[in-house]
Amino acid sequence: MLLAPQALTDRAAQIRLLILDVDGVMTDGRLYFDDTGCESKAFHVRDGYGIKLLQSRGVELAIITARFSPAVAHRARDLGIQHLFQGCKDKLLAYRELKLALQIDDPEVAYMGDDLIDLPILLRAGLATAPADAHPELAQQIHWQSRYQGGRGAVRELCDLILQAKGCWPELLLQASQKGHC
């Protein structure tokens, strides 16, 4: 169900909300525990910068994850992501709550997930996406798949796609070349 380039651009241009899964999307999916059982995760800095660029252009960001992790709460705060749903066994319920609160419809939502638990949202989102290393079953259900793996630039590639579709890219490049940041 991968979209042709123009159809993909048309969908991406409508996006007002990007929702991300965490494990396997914002991270590489591996879990790290120290001797005391404390969990840590690694996040890609370029993914974070892409998120900040989207926010600077008025796109809302949210995280919906089935697990609970203080590291995720810290990363969300660091990035200014105000909509954080952790421990969601029913991700669709959180998705519906979020759409209602923000008064956003399915065509205005992009979602990136990597496994079967993400299918209920992927089947509804206007732009359903996945990292390169997502579960193979998702390839039949999504509109676009990143060339990059989860935690290794997939989120950034999606952010850039949305920014380009919205026509923001030339201005961002100009700002970056003049100021070193956007």
Protein backbone atom coordinates (compact mmCIF):
# COMPACT_ATOMS: atom_id res chain seq x y z
CA MET A 1 0.00 0.00 0.00
CA LEU A 2 3.03 2.28 -0.38
CA LEU A 3 2.01 5.54 -2.03
CA ALA A 4 3.28 7.08 -5.24
CA PRO A 5 5.43 10.20 -4.68
CA GLN A 6 2.69 12.79 -5.42
CA ALA A 7 0.08 11.02 -3.29
CA LEU A 8 2.63 10.77 -0.48
CA THR A 9 3.42 14.49 -0.72
CA ASP A 10 -0.29 15.35 -0.73
CA ARG A 11 -0.88 13.35 2.44
CA ALA A 12 2.23 14.65 4.19
CA ALA A 13 1.24 18.26 3.45
CA GLN A 14 -1.95 17.81 5.52
CA ILE A 15 -0.20 16.65 8.70
CA ARG A 16 -0.92 18.63 11.87
CA LEU A 17 0.03 15.88 14.35
CA LEU A 18 2.89 13.38 14.33
CA ILE A 19 2.55 10.49 16.76
CA LEU A 20 5.51 8.24 17.47
CA ASP A 21 5.94 4.87 19.11
CA VAL A 22 9.15 4.61 21.14
CA ASP A 23 10.82 1.18 21.18
CA GLY A 24 11.85 0.38 17.62
CA VAL A 25 10.97 3.86 16.33
CA MET A 26 12.60 6.52 18.51
CA THR A 27 15.07 3.88 19.72
CA ASP A 28 16.60 0.82 18.08
CA GLY A 29 14.29 -1.38 20.14
CA ARG A 30 16.95 -2.70 22.50
CA LEU A 31 16.47 -2.33 26.26
CA TYR A 32 19.41 -1.60 28.56
CA PHE A 33 19.31 -2.42 32.28
CA ASP A 34 21.99 -1.68 34.87
CA ASP A 35 22.75 -3.88 37.90
CA THR A 36 19.90 -2.32 39.87
CA GLY A 37 17.35 -2.91 37.11
CA CYS A 38 17.28 0.73 36.04
CA GLU A 39 16.39 1.01 32.36
CA SER A 40 18.06 3.33 29.86
CA LYS A 41 17.49 4.01 26.18
CA ALA A 42 19.47 5.62 23.38
CA PHE A 43 17.81 8.28 21.21
CA HIS A 44 19.23 9.69 17.97
CA VAL A 45 20.02 13.41 18.18
CA ARG A 46 19.03 14.02 14.54
CA ASP A 47 15.59 12.55 15.20
CA GLY A 48 15.23 15.04 18.04
CA TYR A 49 16.27 17.93 15.82
CA GLY A 50 13.70 16.90 13.21
CA ILE A 51 11.04 16.90 15.92
CA LYS A 52 12.05 20.41 16.98
CA LEU A 53 11.89 21.58 13.35
CA LEU A 54 8.36 20.23 12.98
CA GLN A 55 7.30 21.90 16.21
CA SER A 56 8.75 25.20 14.98
CA ARG A 57 6.36 24.97 12.02
CA GLY A 58 3.28 24.30 14.15
CA VAL A 59 3.06 20.52 13.94
CA GLU A 60 2.00 18.90 17.23
CA LEU A 61 4.00 15.91 18.48
CA ALA A 62 2.88 13.01 20.63
CA ILE A 63 4.25 9.73 21.92
CA ILE A 64 2.10 6.64 22.45
CA THR A 65 3.99 3.66 23.86
CA ALA A 66 2.97 0.36 25.40
CA ARG A 67 5.79 0.46 27.94
CA PHE A 68 6.49 2.87 30.78
CA SER A 69 9.96 4.37 31.12
CA PRO A 70 11.28 7.40 33.02
CA ALA A 71 13.82 7.78 30.18
CA VAL A 72 10.96 8.35 27.73
CA ALA A 73 9.37 10.95 30.00
CA HIS A 74 12.73 12.71 30.23
CA ARG A 75 13.21 12.66 26.44
CA ALA A 76 9.67 13.97 25.88
CA ARG A 77 10.32 16.86 28.30
CA ASP A 78 13.67 17.56 26.65
CA LEU A 79 11.98 17.81 23.24
CA GLY A 80 8.95 19.75 24.47
CA ILE A 81 6.54 16.94 23.58
CA GLN A 82 3.49 17.67 25.70
CA HIS A 83 1.37 14.69 24.69
CA LEU A 84 2.87 11.56 26.26
CA PHE A 85 0.93 8.34 26.71
CA GLN A 86 2.93 5.56 28.39
CA GLY A 87 1.86 2.07 29.42
CA CYS A 88 -0.84 1.99 26.71
CA LYS A 89 -1.92 -1.56 26.04
CA ASP A 90 -4.75 -0.11 23.91
CA LYS A 91 -2.96 2.46 21.79
CA LEU A 92 -6.12 3.17 19.81
CA LEU A 93 -7.81 4.56 22.93
CA ALA A 94 -4.95 7.03 23.45
CA TYR A 95 -5.06 7.91 19.73
CA ARG A 96 -8.78 8.73 19.91
CA GLU A 97 -8.31 10.79 23.10
CA LEU A 98 -5.53 12.77 21.47
CA LYS A 99 -7.48 13.48 18.29
CA LEU A 100 -10.46 14.64 20.30
CA ALA A 101 -8.39 16.89 22.57
CA LEU A 102 -6.59 18.50 19.62
CA GLN A 103 -9.65 18.51 17.33
CA ILE A 104 -7.72 16.72 14.60
CA ASP A 105 -9.06 14.21 12.07
CA ASP A 106 -7.37 11.04 10.78
CA PRO A 107 -6.10 12.62 7.51
CA GLU A 108 -4.16 15.19 9.60
CA VAL A 109 -2.28 12.53 11.60
CA ALA A 110 1.02 10.86 10.75
CA TYR A 111 2.01 7.83 12.80
CA MET A 112 5.24 5.85 12.90
CA GLY A 113 5.13 2.39 14.43
CA ASP A 114 7.21 -0.74 14.08
CA ASP A 115 5.17 -3.74 15.19
CA LEU A 116 1.75 -5.38 15.18
CA ILE A 117 0.58 -3.46 18.26
CA ASP A 118 0.74 -0.33 16.09
CA LEU A 119 -1.63 -1.62 13.39
CA PRO A 120 -4.86 -0.15 14.83
CA ILE A 121 -3.43 3.37 14.54
CA LEU A 122 -1.56 2.72 11.28
CA LEU A 123 -4.83 1.62 9.67
CA ARG A 124 -6.48 4.94 10.61
CA ALA A 125 -3.76 7.57 10.32
CA GLY A 126 -3.68 9.76 7.23
CA LEU A 127 0.02 9.00 6.86
CA ALA A 128 0.97 5.54 8.15
CA THR A 129 4.74 5.04 8.34
CA ALA A 130 7.36 2.65 9.68
CA PRO A 131 11.15 2.38 10.06
CA ALA A 132 13.10 0.17 7.65
CA ASP A 133 13.39 -2.61 10.23
CA ALA A 134 9.71 -2.72 11.20
CA HIS A 135 7.87 -6.04 11.34
CA PRO A 136 7.43 -7.24 7.72
CA GLU A 137 3.63 -7.43 8.08
CA LEU A 138 3.46 -3.65 8.38
CA ALA A 139 4.82 -3.13 4.85
CA GLN A 140 1.40 -4.15 3.47
CA GLN A 141 -0.43 -1.64 5.69
CA ILE A 142 1.62 1.57 5.51
CA HIS A 143 1.89 4.48 3.09
CA TRP A 144 5.64 5.05 3.46
CA GLN A 145 8.65 3.23 4.91
CA SER A 146 11.85 4.98 5.94
CA ARG A 147 15.19 3.91 4.52
CA TYR A 148 16.53 4.12 8.08
CA GLN A 149 16.07 1.84 11.05
CA GLY A 150 14.33 2.80 14.26
CA GLY A 151 16.56 4.89 16.51
CA ARG A 152 18.90 5.52 13.57
CA GLY A 153 17.28 8.38 11.68
CA ALA A 154 13.85 7.04 10.66
CA VAL A 155 12.02 9.73 12.63
CA ARG A 156 14.19 12.47 11.11
CA GLU A 157 13.53 11.24 7.59
CA LEU A 158 9.78 11.38 8.29
CA CYS A 159 10.05 14.87 9.79
CA ASP A 160 11.95 16.05 6.70
CA LEU A 161 9.33 14.49 4.42
CA ILE A 162 6.54 16.39 6.18
CA LEU A 163 8.48 19.66 6.20
CA GLN A 164 9.24 19.34 2.48
CA ALA A 165 5.62 18.52 1.65
CA LYS A 166 4.46 21.58 3.59
CA GLY A 167 6.87 23.76 1.60
CA CYS A 168 8.96 24.67 4.67
CA TRP A 169 12.24 23.19 3.45
CA PRO A 170 13.70 26.14 1.47
CA GLU A 171 13.13 28.51 4.40
CA LEU A 172 14.67 26.05 6.87
CA LEU A 173 17.75 25.62 4.67
CA LEU A 174 18.12 29.38 4.33
CA GLN A 175 17.84 29.89 8.09
CA ALA A 176 20.32 27.09 8.77
CA SER A 177 22.84 28.50 6.29
CA GLN A 178 22.61 31.98 7.82
CA LYS A 179 22.33 31.21 11.53
CA GLY A 180 23.53 27.65 11.86
CA HIS A 181 20.10 26.67 13.22
CA CYS A 182 16.47 26.91 12.18
